[in-house]
């Protein structure tokens, strides 16, 4: 379970980094394909983030994971 969550977080970061590379890459002309690739990478990042959030909620509801944070008030 932890592997799936970590892999999803890494893929979100990779999508964000690729969008940054597409944004910062300089070209001699105004290339609209660069903007499309950047927008697609950002859309993939948003989709992966939403899918990860839903997966964590479903896994918690099914009982695959449980919260085990630090107890407060001690």
PDB file of N, CA and C in Angstrom:
ATOM      1  N   UNK A   1       0.821  -1.186   0.000  1.00  0.00           N
ATOM      2  CA  UNK A   1       0.000   0.000   0.000  1.00  0.00           C
ATOM      3  C   UNK A   1       0.874   1.262   0.000  1.00  0.00           C
ATOM      4  N   UNK A   2       1.906   1.241   0.840  1.00  0.00           N
ATOM      5  CA  UNK A   2       2.793   2.404   0.894  1.00  0.00           C
ATOM      6  C   UNK A   2       3.501   2.613  -0.437  1.00  0.00           C
ATOM      7  N   UNK A   3       3.849   1.501  -1.091  1.00  0.00           N
ATOM      8  CA  UNK A   3       4.542   1.598  -2.376  1.00  0.00           C
ATOM      9  C   UNK A   3       3.674   2.299  -3.414  1.00  0.00           C
ATOM     10  N   UNK A   4       2.385   1.990  -3.432  1.00  0.00           N
ATOM     11  CA  UNK A   4       1.476   2.605  -4.403  1.00  0.00           C
ATOM     12  C   UNK A   4       1.372   4.108  -4.162  1.00  0.00           C
ATOM     13  N   UNK A   5       1.262   4.495  -2.905  1.00  0.00           N
ATOM     14  CA  UNK A   5       1.127   5.913  -2.576  1.00  0.00           C
ATOM     15  C   UNK A   5       2.414   6.662  -2.899  1.00  0.00           C
ATOM     16  N   UNK A   6       3.549   6.089  -2.553  1.00  0.00           N
ATOM     17  CA  UNK A   6       4.832   6.738  -2.842  1.00  0.00           C
ATOM     18  C   UNK A   6       5.049   6.837  -4.350  1.00  0.00           C
ATOM     19  N   UNK A   7       4.716   5.783  -5.086  1.00  0.00           N
ATOM     20  CA  UNK A   7       4.870   5.813  -6.542  1.00  0.00           C
ATOM     21  C   UNK A   7       3.971   6.882  -7.168  1.00  0.00           C
ATOM     22  N   UNK A   8       2.761   7.029  -6.655  1.00  0.00           N
ATOM     23  CA  UNK A   8       1.859   8.059  -7.174  1.00  0.00           C
ATOM     24  C   UNK A   8       2.394   9.454  -6.867  1.00  0.00           C
ATOM     25  N   UNK A   9       2.927   9.661  -5.673  1.00  0.00           N
ATOM     26  CA  UNK A   9       3.496  10.967  -5.335  1.00  0.00           C
ATOM     27  C   UNK A   9       4.711  11.288  -6.203  1.00  0.00           C
ATOM     28  N   UNK A  10       5.535  10.293  -6.465  1.00  0.00           N
ATOM     29  CA  UNK A  10       6.696  10.513  -7.333  1.00  0.00           C
ATOM     30  C   UNK A  10       6.247  10.838  -8.756  1.00  0.00           C
ATOM     31  N   UNK A  11       5.210  10.160  -9.242  1.00  0.00           N
ATOM     32  CA  UNK A  11       4.724  10.455 -10.595  1.00  0.00           C
ATOM     33  C   UNK A  11       4.118  11.850 -10.675  1.00  0.00           C
ATOM     34  N   UNK A  12       3.491  12.316  -9.608  1.00  0.00           N
ATOM     35  CA  UNK A  12       2.977  13.693  -9.579  1.00  0.00           C
ATOM     36  C   UNK A  12       4.143  14.675  -9.673  1.00  0.00           C
ATOM     37  N   UNK A  13       5.211  14.414  -8.938  1.00  0.00           N
ATOM     38  CA  UNK A  13       6.373  15.302  -8.991  1.00  0.00           C
ATOM     39  C   UNK A  13       7.054  15.278 -10.358  1.00  0.00           C
ATOM     40  N   UNK A  14       7.098  14.113 -10.986  1.00  0.00           N
ATOM     41  CA  UNK A  14       7.693  14.010 -12.328  1.00  0.00           C
ATOM     42  C   UNK A  14       6.863  14.806 -13.335  1.00  0.00           C
ATOM     43  N   UNK A  15       5.550  14.716 -13.236  1.00  0.00           N
ATOM     44  CA  UNK A  15       4.686  15.482 -14.142  1.00  0.00           C
ATOM     45  C   UNK A  15       4.867  16.978 -13.926  1.00  0.00           C
ATOM     46  N   UNK A  16       5.009  17.390 -12.671  1.00  0.00           N
ATOM     47  CA  UNK A  16       5.227  18.807 -12.377  1.00  0.00           C
ATOM     48  C   UNK A  16       6.576  19.265 -12.917  1.00  0.00           C
ATOM     49  N   UNK A  17       7.602  18.442 -12.760  1.00  0.00           N
ATOM     50  CA  UNK A  17       8.929  18.802 -13.265  1.00  0.00           C
ATOM     51  C   UNK A  17       8.937  18.874 -14.792  1.00  0.00           C
ATOM     52  N   UNK A  18       8.245  17.949 -15.438  1.00  0.00           N
ATOM     53  CA  UNK A  18       8.219  18.000 -16.904  1.00  0.00           C
ATOM     54  C   UNK A  18       7.480  19.240 -17.398  1.00  0.00           C
ATOM     55  N   UNK A  19       6.431  19.648 -16.701  1.00  0.00           N
ATOM     56  CA  UNK A  19       5.744  20.888 -17.081  1.00  0.00           C
ATOM     57  C   UNK A  19       6.670  22.085 -16.907  1.00  0.00           C
ATOM     58  N   UNK A  20       7.465  22.074 -15.842  1.00  0.00           N
ATOM     59  CA  UNK A  20       8.430  23.157 -15.638  1.00  0.00           C
ATOM     60  C   UNK A  20       9.485  23.192 -16.719  1.00  0.00           C
ATOM     61  N   UNK A  21       9.941  22.025 -17.149  1.00  0.00           N
ATOM     62  CA  UNK A  21      10.933  21.967 -18.228  1.00  0.00           C
ATOM     63  C   UNK A  21      10.333  22.502 -19.523  1.00  0.00           C
ATOM     64  N   UNK A  22       9.105  22.103 -19.841  1.00  0.00           N
ATOM     65  CA  UNK A  22       8.466  22.597 -21.059  1.00  0.00           C
ATOM     66  C   UNK A  22       8.261  24.105 -20.995  1.00  0.00           C
ATOM     67  N   UNK A  23       7.977  24.629 -19.794  1.00  0.00           N
ATOM     68  CA  UNK A  23       7.747  26.064 -19.657  1.00  0.00           C
ATOM     69  C   UNK A  23       9.055  26.841 -19.822  1.00  0.00           C
ATOM     70  N   UNK A  24      10.136  26.326 -19.263  1.00  0.00           N
ATOM     71  CA  UNK A  24      11.387  27.073 -19.255  1.00  0.00           C
ATOM     72  C   UNK A  24      12.251  26.858 -20.480  1.00  0.00           C
ATOM     73  N   UNK A  25      11.954  25.829 -21.256  1.00  0.00           N
ATOM     74  CA  UNK A  25      12.759  25.558 -22.448  1.00  0.00           C
ATOM     75  C   UNK A  25      12.572  26.692 -23.452  1.00  0.00           C
ATOM     76  N   UNK A  26      13.675  27.234 -23.888  1.00  0.00           N
ATOM     77  CA  UNK A  26      13.612  28.349 -24.828  1.00  0.00           C
ATOM     78  C   UNK A  26      13.591  27.819 -26.253  1.00  0.00           C
ATOM     79  N   UNK A  27      12.826  28.505 -27.081  1.00  0.00           N
ATOM     80  CA  UNK A  27      12.814  28.158 -28.496  1.00  0.00           C
ATOM     81  C   UNK A  27      12.945  29.444 -29.305  1.00  0.00           C
ATOM     82  N   UNK A  28      13.430  29.304 -30.507  1.00  0.00           N
ATOM     83  CA  UNK A  28      13.671  30.484 -31.335  1.00  0.00           C
ATOM     84  C   UNK A  28      12.363  31.120 -31.803  1.00  0.00           C
ATOM     85  N   UNK A  29      11.344  30.298 -32.015  1.00  0.00           N
ATOM     86  CA  UNK A  29      10.056  30.839 -32.429  1.00  0.00           C
ATOM     87  C   UNK A  29       9.015  30.542 -31.354  1.00  0.00           C
ATOM     88  N   UNK A  30       7.875  31.144 -31.496  1.00  0.00           N
ATOM     89  CA  UNK A  30       6.791  30.910 -30.539  1.00  0.00           C
ATOM     90  C   UNK A  30       6.114  29.603 -30.913  1.00  0.00           C
ATOM     91  N   UNK A  31       6.502  28.531 -30.236  1.00  0.00           N
ATOM     92  CA  UNK A  31       6.051  27.190 -30.584  1.00  0.00           C
ATOM     93  C   UNK A  31       4.794  26.837 -29.785  1.00  0.00           C
ATOM     94  N   UNK A  32       3.640  26.700 -30.451  1.00  0.00           N
ATOM     95  CA  UNK A  32       2.426  26.352 -29.714  1.00  0.00           C
ATOM     96  C   UNK A  32       2.447  24.906 -29.208  1.00  0.00           C
ATOM     97  N   UNK A  33       3.267  24.050 -29.793  1.00  0.00           N
ATOM     98  CA  UNK A  33       3.353  22.661 -29.320  1.00  0.00           C
ATOM     99  C   UNK A  33       3.940  22.610 -27.918  1.00  0.00           C
ATOM    100  N   UNK A  34       4.826  23.534 -27.598  1.00  0.00           N
ATOM    101  CA  UNK A  34       5.418  23.592 -26.263  1.00  0.00           C
ATOM    102  C   UNK A  34       4.343  23.897 -25.234  1.00  0.00           C
ATOM    103  N   UNK A  35       3.447  24.824 -25.560  1.00  0.00           N
ATOM    104  CA  UNK A  35       2.362  25.168 -24.644  1.00  0.00           C
ATOM    105  C   UNK A  35       1.407  23.999 -24.454  1.00  0.00           C
ATOM    106  N   UNK A  36       1.154  23.251 -25.522  1.00  0.00           N
ATOM    107  CA  UNK A  36       0.269  22.091 -25.415  1.00  0.00           C
ATOM    108  C   UNK A  36       0.885  21.003 -24.543  1.00  0.00           C
ATOM    109  N   UNK A  37       2.202  20.785 -24.693  1.00  0.00           N
ATOM    110  CA  UNK A  37       2.870  19.775 -23.866  1.00  0.00           C
ATOM    111  C   UNK A  37       2.871  20.182 -22.404  1.00  0.00           C
ATOM    112  N   UNK A  38       3.082  21.478 -22.141  1.00  0.00           N
ATOM    113  CA  UNK A  38       3.071  21.965 -20.765  1.00  0.00           C
ATOM    114  C   UNK A  38       1.676  21.816 -20.163  1.00  0.00           C
ATOM    115  N   UNK A  39       0.655  22.172 -20.914  1.00  0.00           N
ATOM    116  CA  UNK A  39      -0.718  22.053 -20.419  1.00  0.00           C
ATOM    117  C   UNK A  39      -1.089  20.587 -20.192  1.00  0.00           C
ATOM    118  N   UNK A  40      -0.640  19.707 -21.074  1.00  0.00           N
ATOM    119  CA  UNK A  40      -0.923  18.276 -20.908  1.00  0.00           C
ATOM    120  C   UNK A  40      -0.228  17.734 -19.663  1.00  0.00           C
ATOM    121  N   UNK A  41       1.018  18.155 -19.425  1.00  0.00           N
ATOM    122  CA  UNK A  41       1.745  17.693 -18.235  1.00  0.00           C
ATOM    123  C   UNK A  41       1.065  18.189 -16.959  1.00  0.00           C
ATOM    124  N   UNK A  42       0.584  19.420 -16.967  1.00  0.00           N
ATOM    125  CA  UNK A  42      -0.124  19.936 -15.794  1.00  0.00           C
ATOM    126  C   UNK A  42      -1.464  19.227 -15.606  1.00  0.00           C
ATOM    127  N   UNK A  43      -2.139  18.898 -16.700  1.00  0.00           N
ATOM    128  CA  UNK A  43      -3.400  18.162 -16.595  1.00  0.00           C
ATOM    129  C   UNK A  43      -3.168  16.756 -16.045  1.00  0.00           C
ATOM    130  N   UNK A  44      -2.069  16.133 -16.457  1.00  0.00           N
ATOM    131  CA  UNK A  44      -1.730  14.806 -15.920  1.00  0.00           C
ATOM    132  C   UNK A  44      -1.451  14.905 -14.433  1.00  0.00           C
ATOM    133  N   UNK A  45      -0.759  15.957 -14.015  1.00  0.00           N
ATOM    134  CA  UNK A  45      -0.455  16.150 -12.593  1.00  0.00           C
ATOM    135  C   UNK A  45      -1.728  16.313 -11.779  1.00  0.00           C
ATOM    136  N   UNK A  46      -2.651  17.098 -12.264  1.00  0.00           N
ATOM    137  CA  UNK A  46      -3.911  17.302 -11.547  1.00  0.00           C
ATOM    138  C   UNK A  46      -4.707  15.998 -11.500  1.00  0.00           C
ATOM    139  N   UNK A  47      -4.747  15.279 -12.610  1.00  0.00           N
ATOM    140  CA  UNK A  47      -5.462  14.008 -12.634  1.00  0.00           C
ATOM    141  C   UNK A  47      -4.867  12.995 -11.680  1.00  0.00           C
ATOM    142  N   UNK A  48      -3.538  12.904 -11.644  1.00  0.00           N
ATOM    143  CA  UNK A  48      -2.883  11.983 -10.717  1.00  0.00           C
ATOM    144  C   UNK A  48      -3.126  12.374  -9.267  1.00  0.00           C
ATOM    145  N   UNK A  49      -3.116  13.670  -8.983  1.00  0.00           N
ATOM    146  CA  UNK A  49      -3.361  14.127  -7.615  1.00  0.00           C
ATOM    147  C   UNK A  49      -4.776  13.786  -7.162  1.00  0.00           C
ATOM    148  N   UNK A  50      -5.743  14.001  -8.028  1.00  0.00           N
ATOM    149  CA  UNK A  50      -7.127  13.678  -7.688  1.00  0.00           C
ATOM    150  C   UNK A  50      -7.293  12.174  -7.519  1.00  0.00           C
ATOM    151  N   UNK A  51      -6.695  11.396  -8.415  1.00  0.00           N
ATOM    152  CA  UNK A  51      -6.785   9.934  -8.315  1.00  0.00           C
ATOM    153  C   UNK A  51      -6.138   9.430  -7.029  1.00  0.00           C
ATOM    154  N   UNK A  52      -5.004  10.008  -6.641  1.00  0.00           N
ATOM    155  CA  UNK A  52      -4.353   9.605  -5.402  1.00  0.00           C
ATOM    156  C   UNK A  52      -5.220   9.944  -4.195  1.00  0.00           C
ATOM    157  N   UNK A  53      -5.825  11.115  -4.191  1.00  0.00           N
ATOM    158  CA  UNK A  53      -6.701  11.517  -3.092  1.00  0.00           C
ATOM    159  C   UNK A  53      -7.887  10.562  -2.967  1.00  0.00           C
ATOM    160  N   UNK A  54      -8.510  10.246  -4.084  1.00  0.00           N
ATOM    161  CA  UNK A  54      -9.648   9.320  -4.070  1.00  0.00           C
ATOM    162  C   UNK A  54      -9.199   7.931  -3.627  1.00  0.00           C
ATOM    163  N   UNK A  55      -8.027   7.490  -4.094  1.00  0.00           N
ATOM    164  CA  UNK A  55      -7.511   6.176  -3.706  1.00  0.00           C
ATOM    165  C   UNK A  55      -7.279   6.106  -2.199  1.00  0.00           C
ATOM    166  N   UNK A  56      -6.715   7.161  -1.620  1.00  0.00           N
ATOM    167  CA  UNK A  56      -6.478   7.174  -0.176  1.00  0.00           C
ATOM    168  C   UNK A  56      -7.795   7.155   0.585  1.00  0.00           C
ATOM    169  N   UNK A  57      -8.785   7.899   0.125  1.00  0.00           N
ATOM    170  CA  UNK A  57     -10.092   7.883   0.790  1.00  0.00           C
ATOM    171  C   UNK A  57     -10.750   6.509   0.710  1.00  0.00           C
ATOM    172  N   UNK A  58     -10.692   5.874  -0.452  1.00  0.00           N
ATOM    173  CA  UNK A  58     -11.288   4.538  -0.615  1.00  0.00           C
ATOM    174  C   UNK A  58     -10.538   3.511   0.232  1.00  0.00           C
ATOM    175  N   UNK A  59      -9.206   3.595   0.229  1.00  0.00           N
ATOM    176  CA  UNK A  59      -8.415   2.654   1.021  1.00  0.00           C
ATOM    177  C   UNK A  59      -8.709   2.811   2.510  1.00  0.00           C
ATOM    178  N   UNK A  60      -8.931   4.017   2.969  1.00  0.00           N
ATOM    179  CA  UNK A  60      -9.282   4.249   4.377  1.00  0.00           C
ATOM    180  C   UNK A  60     -10.670   3.698   4.679  1.00  0.00           C
ATOM    181  N   UNK A  61     -11.603   3.923   3.770  1.00  0.00           N
ATOM    182  CA  UNK A  61     -12.970   3.456   3.978  1.00  0.00           C
ATOM    183  C   UNK A  61     -13.051   1.930   3.975  1.00  0.00           C
ATOM    184  N   UNK A  62     -12.287   1.273   3.098  1.00  0.00           N
ATOM    185  CA  UNK A  62     -12.295  -0.184   3.001  1.00  0.00           C
ATOM    186  C   UNK A  62     -11.541  -0.813   4.178  1.00  0.00           C
ATOM    187  N   UNK A  63     -10.608  -0.072   4.772  1.00  0.00           N
ATOM    188  CA  UNK A  63      -9.858  -0.582   5.904  1.00  0.00           C
ATOM    189  C   UNK A  63      -8.445  -1.015   5.569  1.00  0.00           C
ATOM    190  N   UNK A  64      -7.987  -0.710   4.366  1.00  0.00           N
ATOM    191  CA  UNK A  64      -6.630  -1.073   3.970  1.00  0.00           C
ATOM    192  C   UNK A  64      -5.598  -0.245   4.719  1.00  0.00           C
ATOM    193  N   UNK A  65      -5.942   1.007   5.030  1.00  0.00           N
ATOM    194  CA  UNK A  65      -5.056   1.876   5.792  1.00  0.00           C
ATOM    195  C   UNK A  65      -5.839   2.460   6.951  1.00  0.00           C
ATOM    196  N   UNK A  66      -5.130   2.876   7.985  1.00  0.00           N
ATOM    197  CA  UNK A  66      -5.785   3.520   9.116  1.00  0.00           C
ATOM    198  C   UNK A  66      -4.892   4.647   9.608  1.00  0.00           C
ATOM    199  N   UNK A  67      -5.494   5.713  10.089  1.00  0.00           N
ATOM    200  CA  UNK A  67      -4.685   6.833  10.579  1.00  0.00           C
ATOM    201  C   UNK A  67      -3.957   6.434  11.856  1.00  0.00           C
ATOM    202  N   UNK A  68      -2.726   6.819  11.957  1.00  0.00           N
ATOM    203  CA  UNK A  68      -1.935   6.498  13.148  1.00  0.00           C
ATOM    204  C   UNK A  68      -1.033   7.674  13.495  1.00  0.00           C
ATOM    205  N   UNK A  69      -1.619   8.836  13.572  1.00  0.00           N
ATOM    206  CA  UNK A  69      -0.847  10.042  13.843  1.00  0.00           C
ATOM    207  C   UNK A  69      -0.473  10.160  15.306  1.00  0.00           C
ATOM    208  N   UNK A  70       0.201  11.230  15.624  1.00  0.00           N
ATOM    209  CA  UNK A  70       0.618  11.503  16.997  1.00  0.00           C
ATOM    210  C   UNK A  70      -0.595  11.974  17.775  1.00  0.00           C
ATOM    211  N   UNK A  71      -0.887  11.356  18.925  1.00  0.00           N
ATOM    212  CA  UNK A  71      -2.035  11.812  19.706  1.00  0.00           C
ATOM    213  C   UNK A  71      -1.803  13.207  20.267  1.00  0.00           C
ATOM    214  N   UNK A  72      -2.825  14.027  20.225  1.00  0.00           N
ATOM    215  CA  UNK A  72      -2.699  15.393  20.707  1.00  0.00           C
ATOM    216  C   UNK A  72      -3.215  15.473  22.142  1.00  0.00           C
ATOM    217  N   UNK A  73      -2.790  16.482  22.851  1.00  0.00           N
ATOM    218  CA  UNK A  73      -3.268  16.710  24.203  1.00  0.00           C
ATOM    219  C   UNK A  73      -2.519  15.951  25.271  1.00  0.00           C
ATOM    220  N   UNK A  74      -1.381  15.432  24.965  1.00  0.00           N
ATOM    221  CA  UNK A  74      -0.604  14.714  25.998  1.00  0.00           C
ATOM    222  C   UNK A  74       0.602  15.500  26.403  1.00  0.00           C
TER     223      UNK A  74
END
